[in-house]
């Protein structure tokens, strides 16, 4: 699963300005329009595969059953949801947004157990 753009291939007219193990930031120039935009791409496949393994292994509790791991969401989706809603991820309101997103079947692979929030 790759979010926002093509992670493995070059972006036409783009230059990489930041590159991590799973995340890249590009500047994409549109010379005809004399504009540019910043594009971020993240390879989310390792996170999704780990979450699927955790879902299959049980109900998300730690071995001591003191804590329950709820989800592991790639940073690029947190950024996208903040941009869509205008709500900071550290605010109380974002908790409600996150709950709705994680209960959405489209984002079920971000949960580490198959239960509703």
Foldseek 3Di string as FASTA:
>chain_A
DKPWDDQPDDDVQWDWPDDDPFKTWIWHADVVVRDIDITIMGDCVVQLVQLVVLQVVDAQADPVSPDGQFFADDPVVQVVLCVVVVDHCPDPVVVVVVLVVCQDPVNVSRTSHPDHD
